[in-house]
Amino acid sequence: MNSLNEIRVAIYDAVVRSGQAPAPSELAVTLRLEEADVAAAYRALAGAHVIVLAPGTVEVAWAPPFSVTPTPFKAAADGMSWYAPCAWDAFGIPAALHRDAAIDARCAWSGETIVCGVADGRAYGDGVVHLLVPAAHFWDDIAYT
């Protein structure tokens, strides 16, 4: 396995297991790689739109569909829960995990709870995901999208 793929897999494994992404220094020790090489891999993964780094750092903010920082969207399955960057990604979590999940979401306008999730592999709920940005432009400013 090449280092970039190994690092990507390790990031996602950590996020699924704990809800947190390892710092490059931690992952360097775990994978027996140079910290500078791991940091460069984080930047390369961010440049390829695989992960999103916190501004001005090499700390993972999002490993879509997961967010390592709290957001208004959370998916829960099998006694665990994960934040998602947005409502769309909240449904991506059960898809990525191949599990059913209850999704904790709120209307951005009213703050009202939206009952939704995935049961028996199918989405349920009456909520609507409203995207202000066309999909072709999501990565122009992924944090805004």
Foldseek 3Di string as FASTA:
>chain_A
DDPLVVLLVQQVVCCVVPVAGDQLVVVCVVVVHDSVVSLVSLVVCVVVVQFPADPPGSGTQGRFQFGSDDDQKWKDDPHDITHGLFPVRSQVVCVVVVTWTWMFHADPVPRHTWTWTADPRHIDTDDDDDDPDPPVCCVVPVNVD
